[in-house]
């Protein structure tokens, strides 16, 4: 493993790749909406500690948790793929994280 969760390159263990892809998507969705784990928990019915644990990589979410969060956030968290991009030499690289523009107001 190279890098920090959830942007570490995870070779050969598909469940971890999926778990970190969900964690990245969740963190990015929460940031776009400026939602805390407490606020998301209140609206989704998912326990705040579960949300925090998923974001930290302590646990992987079950399907009901993913479905509840997707419904509340109005977007897909489950990855369409978990392949890492490669450089010109075929070496796997961290995917670029979504850069969210901050509203200065």
C-alpha atoms as a PDB file:
ATOM      1  CA  UNK A   1       0.000   0.000   0.000  1.00  0.00           C
ATOM      2  CA  UNK A   2       1.299   3.454  -0.896  1.00  0.00           C
ATOM      3  CA  UNK A   3      -0.274   6.711   0.327  1.00  0.00           C
ATOM      4  CA  UNK A   4      -2.919   7.564   2.900  1.00  0.00           C
ATOM      5  CA  UNK A   5      -6.516   6.368   3.176  1.00  0.00           C
ATOM      6  CA  UNK A   6      -8.676   6.827   1.204  1.00  0.00           C
ATOM      7  CA  UNK A   7      -6.212   7.743  -1.561  1.00  0.00           C
ATOM      8  CA  UNK A   8      -3.690   4.952  -1.003  1.00  0.00           C
ATOM      9  CA  UNK A   9      -2.949   2.625  -3.898  1.00  0.00           C
ATOM     10  CA  UNK A  10      -4.321  -0.741  -2.802  1.00  0.00           C
ATOM     11  CA  UNK A  11      -2.941  -3.585  -4.880  1.00  0.00           C
ATOM     12  CA  UNK A  12      -4.617  -6.954  -5.100  1.00  0.00           C
ATOM     13  CA  UNK A  13      -7.371  -6.663  -2.516  1.00  0.00           C
ATOM     14  CA  UNK A  14     -10.608  -5.717  -4.281  1.00  0.00           C
ATOM     15  CA  UNK A  15     -12.745  -5.283  -1.107  1.00  0.00           C
ATOM     16  CA  UNK A  16     -10.339  -2.633   0.192  1.00  0.00           C
ATOM     17  CA  UNK A  17     -10.348  -0.883  -3.188  1.00  0.00           C
ATOM     18  CA  UNK A  18     -14.146  -0.747  -3.173  1.00  0.00           C
ATOM     19  CA  UNK A  19     -14.236   0.390   0.479  1.00  0.00           C
ATOM     20  CA  UNK A  20     -11.851   3.237  -0.178  1.00  0.00           C
ATOM     21  CA  UNK A  21     -13.684   4.269  -3.356  1.00  0.00           C
ATOM     22  CA  UNK A  22     -16.917   4.529  -1.348  1.00  0.00           C
ATOM     23  CA  UNK A  23     -15.100   6.488   1.386  1.00  0.00           C
ATOM     24  CA  UNK A  24     -13.677   8.933  -1.190  1.00  0.00           C
ATOM     25  CA  UNK A  25     -17.051   9.419  -2.866  1.00  0.00           C
ATOM     26  CA  UNK A  26     -18.748   9.925   0.504  1.00  0.00           C
ATOM     27  CA  UNK A  27     -16.158  12.466   1.679  1.00  0.00           C
ATOM     28  CA  UNK A  28     -16.402  14.387  -1.597  1.00  0.00           C
ATOM     29  CA  UNK A  29     -20.219  14.422  -1.527  1.00  0.00           C
ATOM     30  CA  UNK A  30     -20.235  15.613   2.079  1.00  0.00           C
ATOM     31  CA  UNK A  31     -17.718  18.337   1.264  1.00  0.00           C
ATOM     32  CA  UNK A  32     -19.713  19.555  -1.748  1.00  0.00           C
ATOM     33  CA  UNK A  33     -22.816  19.834   0.433  1.00  0.00           C
ATOM     34  CA  UNK A  34     -20.869  21.089   3.448  1.00  0.00           C
ATOM     35  CA  UNK A  35     -22.373  18.328   5.594  1.00  0.00           C
ATOM     36  CA  UNK A  36     -20.848  17.071   8.802  1.00  0.00           C
ATOM     37  CA  UNK A  37     -21.153  13.443   9.850  1.00  0.00           C
ATOM     38  CA  UNK A  38     -23.719  14.579  12.451  1.00  0.00           C
ATOM     39  CA  UNK A  39     -25.853  16.380   9.857  1.00  0.00           C
ATOM     40  CA  UNK A  40     -25.685  13.476   7.414  1.00  0.00           C
ATOM     41  CA  UNK A  41     -26.566  11.025  10.178  1.00  0.00           C
ATOM     42  CA  UNK A  42     -29.609  13.073  11.155  1.00  0.00           C
ATOM     43  CA  UNK A  43     -30.973  13.146   7.608  1.00  0.00           C
ATOM     44  CA  UNK A  44     -29.992   9.642   6.463  1.00  0.00           C
ATOM     45  CA  UNK A  45     -30.735   7.567   9.548  1.00  0.00           C
ATOM     46  CA  UNK A  46     -27.191   6.147   9.393  1.00  0.00           C
ATOM     47  CA  UNK A  47     -25.366   6.287  12.724  1.00  0.00           C
ATOM     48  CA  UNK A  48     -22.790   9.101  12.908  1.00  0.00           C
ATOM     49  CA  UNK A  49     -20.097   6.725  14.145  1.00  0.00           C
ATOM     50  CA  UNK A  50     -20.690   4.427  11.161  1.00  0.00           C
ATOM     51  CA  UNK A  51     -20.226   7.390   8.807  1.00  0.00           C
ATOM     52  CA  UNK A  52     -17.035   8.422  10.611  1.00  0.00           C
ATOM     53  CA  UNK A  53     -15.718   4.852  10.554  1.00  0.00           C
ATOM     54  CA  UNK A  54     -16.361   4.522   6.809  1.00  0.00           C
ATOM     55  CA  UNK A  55     -14.615   7.830   6.140  1.00  0.00           C
ATOM     56  CA  UNK A  56     -11.621   6.747   8.258  1.00  0.00           C
ATOM     57  CA  UNK A  57     -11.407   3.262   6.739  1.00  0.00           C
ATOM     58  CA  UNK A  58     -12.097   1.587  10.076  1.00  0.00           C
ATOM     59  CA  UNK A  59     -15.011  -0.317   8.600  1.00  0.00           C
ATOM     60  CA  UNK A  60     -16.551  -0.946   5.190  1.00  0.00           C
ATOM     61  CA  UNK A  61     -20.184  -0.002   4.717  1.00  0.00           C
ATOM     62  CA  UNK A  62     -22.856  -2.613   4.178  1.00  0.00           C
ATOM     63  CA  UNK A  63     -25.243  -2.295   1.245  1.00  0.00           C
ATOM     64  CA  UNK A  64     -28.079  -0.799   3.310  1.00  0.00           C
ATOM     65  CA  UNK A  65     -25.739   1.911   4.593  1.00  0.00           C
ATOM     66  CA  UNK A  66     -24.551   2.739   1.062  1.00  0.00           C
ATOM     67  CA  UNK A  67     -28.136   2.798  -0.230  1.00  0.00           C
ATOM     68  CA  UNK A  68     -29.310   5.072   2.592  1.00  0.00           C
ATOM     69  CA  UNK A  69     -26.426   7.489   2.080  1.00  0.00           C
ATOM     70  CA  UNK A  70     -26.877   7.511  -1.702  1.00  0.00           C
ATOM     71  CA  UNK A  71     -30.585   8.276  -1.326  1.00  0.00           C
ATOM     72  CA  UNK A  72     -29.946  11.107   1.122  1.00  0.00           C
ATOM     73  CA  UNK A  73     -27.080  12.622  -0.881  1.00  0.00           C
ATOM     74  CA  UNK A  74     -28.808  12.103  -4.224  1.00  0.00           C
ATOM     75  CA  UNK A  75     -25.767  10.602  -5.866  1.00  0.00           C
ATOM     76  CA  UNK A  76     -24.022   7.305  -6.377  1.00  0.00           C
ATOM     77  CA  UNK A  77     -21.318   6.334  -3.887  1.00  0.00           C
ATOM     78  CA  UNK A  78     -20.751   2.761  -5.064  1.00  0.00           C
ATOM     79  CA  UNK A  79     -17.868   2.821  -7.547  1.00  0.00           C
ATOM     80  CA  UNK A  80     -18.434   2.046 -11.186  1.00  0.00           C
ATOM     81  CA  UNK A  81     -14.879   0.804 -11.220  1.00  0.00           C
ATOM     82  CA  UNK A  82     -11.912   0.755  -8.886  1.00  0.00           C
ATOM     83  CA  UNK A  83      -9.091   0.649 -11.380  1.00  0.00           C
ATOM     84  CA  UNK A  84      -6.209   2.962 -10.628  1.00  0.00           C
ATOM     85  CA  UNK A  85      -4.792   5.079 -13.449  1.00  0.00           C
ATOM     86  CA  UNK A  86      -1.262   4.248 -14.586  1.00  0.00           C
ATOM     87  CA  UNK A  87       1.562   6.488 -15.678  1.00  0.00           C
ATOM     88  CA  UNK A  88       3.463   6.119 -18.967  1.00  0.00           C
ATOM     89  CA  UNK A  89       5.482   3.239 -17.500  1.00  0.00           C
ATOM     90  CA  UNK A  90       2.442   1.262 -16.365  1.00  0.00           C
ATOM     91  CA  UNK A  91       2.969   2.117 -12.680  1.00  0.00           C
ATOM     92  CA  UNK A  92      -0.323   2.576 -10.812  1.00  0.00           C
ATOM     93  CA  UNK A  93      -0.853   6.064  -9.415  1.00  0.00           C
ATOM     94  CA  UNK A  94      -3.188   7.677  -6.937  1.00  0.00           C
ATOM     95  CA  UNK A  95      -6.260   9.025  -8.698  1.00  0.00           C
ATOM     96  CA  UNK A  96      -6.626  12.776  -8.448  1.00  0.00           C
ATOM     97  CA  UNK A  97      -9.060  13.693  -5.712  1.00  0.00           C
ATOM     98  CA  UNK A  98     -11.952  15.920  -6.601  1.00  0.00           C
ATOM     99  CA  UNK A  99     -11.052  19.527  -6.075  1.00  0.00           C
ATOM    100  CA  UNK A 100     -14.127  21.257  -4.715  1.00  0.00           C
ATOM    101  CA  UNK A 101     -14.380  24.955  -5.355  1.00  0.00           C
ATOM    102  CA  UNK A 102     -15.129  26.834  -2.170  1.00  0.00           C
ATOM    103  CA  UNK A 103     -17.646  29.627  -2.216  1.00  0.00           C
ATOM    104  CA  UNK A 104     -15.841  32.579  -0.601  1.00  0.00           C
ATOM    105  CA  UNK A 105     -19.123  34.041   0.644  1.00  0.00           C
END
